[in-house]
C-alpha atoms as a PDB file:
ATOM      1  CA  UNK A   1       0.017   0.011   0.034  1.00  0.00           C
ATOM      2  CA  UNK A   2       1.277   3.410  -0.876  1.00  0.00           C
ATOM      3  CA  UNK A   3       0.591   6.695   0.863  1.00  0.00           C
ATOM      4  CA  UNK A   4       1.652   8.647  -2.242  1.00  0.00           C
ATOM      5  CA  UNK A   5      -0.992  10.908  -3.722  1.00  0.00           C
ATOM      6  CA  UNK A   6      -2.419   9.683  -7.005  1.00  0.00           C
ATOM      7  CA  UNK A   7      -1.335  11.499 -10.193  1.00  0.00           C
ATOM      8  CA  UNK A   8      -4.509  12.589 -12.003  1.00  0.00           C
ATOM      9  CA  UNK A   9      -5.090  12.791 -15.793  1.00  0.00           C
ATOM     10  CA  UNK A  10      -8.069  14.002 -17.848  1.00  0.00           C
ATOM     11  CA  UNK A  11      -9.051  13.353 -21.405  1.00  0.00           C
ATOM     12  CA  UNK A  12      -7.634  15.293 -24.302  1.00  0.00           C
ATOM     13  CA  UNK A  13     -11.240  15.919 -25.250  1.00  0.00           C
ATOM     14  CA  UNK A  14     -11.795  17.920 -22.074  1.00  0.00           C
ATOM     15  CA  UNK A  15     -13.140  21.422 -22.519  1.00  0.00           C
ATOM     16  CA  UNK A  16     -13.632  21.103 -26.204  1.00  0.00           C
ATOM     17  CA  UNK A  17     -17.159  22.343 -25.944  1.00  0.00           C
ATOM     18  CA  UNK A  18     -16.363  24.973 -23.231  1.00  0.00           C
ATOM     19  CA  UNK A  19     -18.562  23.174 -20.756  1.00  0.00           C
ATOM     20  CA  UNK A  20     -15.750  22.042 -18.415  1.00  0.00           C
ATOM     21  CA  UNK A  21     -17.611  18.886 -17.410  1.00  0.00           C
ATOM     22  CA  UNK A  22     -14.613  16.598 -17.066  1.00  0.00           C
ATOM     23  CA  UNK A  23     -13.561  13.458 -15.088  1.00  0.00           C
ATOM     24  CA  UNK A  24     -10.003  12.765 -14.108  1.00  0.00           C
ATOM     25  CA  UNK A  25      -8.625   9.341 -13.323  1.00  0.00           C
ATOM     26  CA  UNK A  26      -5.444   7.970 -11.663  1.00  0.00           C
ATOM     27  CA  UNK A  27      -4.013   5.301 -14.027  1.00  0.00           C
ATOM     28  CA  UNK A  28      -1.058   4.365 -11.892  1.00  0.00           C
ATOM     29  CA  UNK A  29      -3.386   3.654  -8.947  1.00  0.00           C
ATOM     30  CA  UNK A  30      -5.444   1.454 -11.308  1.00  0.00           C
ATOM     31  CA  UNK A  31      -2.369  -0.503 -12.508  1.00  0.00           C
ATOM     32  CA  UNK A  32      -1.068  -1.086  -8.988  1.00  0.00           C
ATOM     33  CA  UNK A  33      -4.266  -1.935  -7.108  1.00  0.00           C
ATOM     34  CA  UNK A  34      -6.906  -2.664  -9.755  1.00  0.00           C
ATOM     35  CA  UNK A  35      -8.966   0.137  -8.280  1.00  0.00           C
ATOM     36  CA  UNK A  36      -9.823   2.955 -10.758  1.00  0.00           C
ATOM     37  CA  UNK A  37     -10.065   6.305  -8.929  1.00  0.00           C
ATOM     38  CA  UNK A  38     -12.289   8.956 -10.546  1.00  0.00           C
ATOM     39  CA  UNK A  39     -12.931  12.611  -9.563  1.00  0.00           C
ATOM     40  CA  UNK A  40     -14.496  15.815 -10.873  1.00  0.00           C
ATOM     41  CA  UNK A  41     -11.709  17.925 -12.455  1.00  0.00           C
ATOM     42  CA  UNK A  42     -13.313  21.131 -11.183  1.00  0.00           C
ATOM     43  CA  UNK A  43     -13.288  19.931  -7.530  1.00  0.00           C
ATOM     44  CA  UNK A  44      -9.871  18.233  -6.958  1.00  0.00           C
ATOM     45  CA  UNK A  45     -10.415  18.302  -3.159  1.00  0.00           C
ATOM     46  CA  UNK A  46     -13.902  16.748  -3.455  1.00  0.00           C
ATOM     47  CA  UNK A  47     -15.004  13.269  -3.333  1.00  0.00           C
ATOM     48  CA  UNK A  48     -13.506  10.412  -5.398  1.00  0.00           C
ATOM     49  CA  UNK A  49     -15.178   7.339  -6.772  1.00  0.00           C
ATOM     50  CA  UNK A  50     -13.387   3.986  -6.550  1.00  0.00           C
ATOM     51  CA  UNK A  51     -14.464   1.743  -9.548  1.00  0.00           C
ATOM     52  CA  UNK A  52     -13.662  -1.740 -10.423  1.00  0.00           C
ATOM     53  CA  UNK A  53     -12.084  -2.218 -13.855  1.00  0.00           C
ATOM     54  CA  UNK A  54     -15.244  -3.626 -15.195  1.00  0.00           C
ATOM     55  CA  UNK A  55     -17.236  -0.671 -13.951  1.00  0.00           C
ATOM     56  CA  UNK A  56     -14.637   1.779 -15.399  1.00  0.00           C
ATOM     57  CA  UNK A  57     -14.904   0.102 -18.855  1.00  0.00           C
ATOM     58  CA  UNK A  58     -18.677   0.347 -18.737  1.00  0.00           C
ATOM     59  CA  UNK A  59     -18.487   4.061 -17.926  1.00  0.00           C
ATOM     60  CA  UNK A  60     -16.040   4.752 -20.683  1.00  0.00           C
ATOM     61  CA  UNK A  61     -18.180   2.834 -23.191  1.00  0.00           C
ATOM     62  CA  UNK A  62     -21.296   4.828 -22.011  1.00  0.00           C
ATOM     63  CA  UNK A  63     -19.688   8.311 -22.474  1.00  0.00           C
ATOM     64  CA  UNK A  64     -17.779   7.622 -25.686  1.00  0.00           C
ATOM     65  CA  UNK A  65     -18.325  10.225 -28.349  1.00  0.00           C
ATOM     66  CA  UNK A  66     -19.694   8.470 -31.505  1.00  0.00           C
ATOM     67  CA  UNK A  67     -17.118   8.569 -34.392  1.00  0.00           C
END
């Protein structure tokens, strides 16, 4: 177990529409523990969701922008 703070990343698609509704995730945390941490990019000190890998995949598939 690490006490290091997660490093957060957001999509390159963030803020393309000017709405600012973005999620960030911590990929290193996901690789090391299997737990995918997600937070609101506008509220970095706010709550985090901890998702399973399957739940994360479902979320990504749900919000994908159609090509």
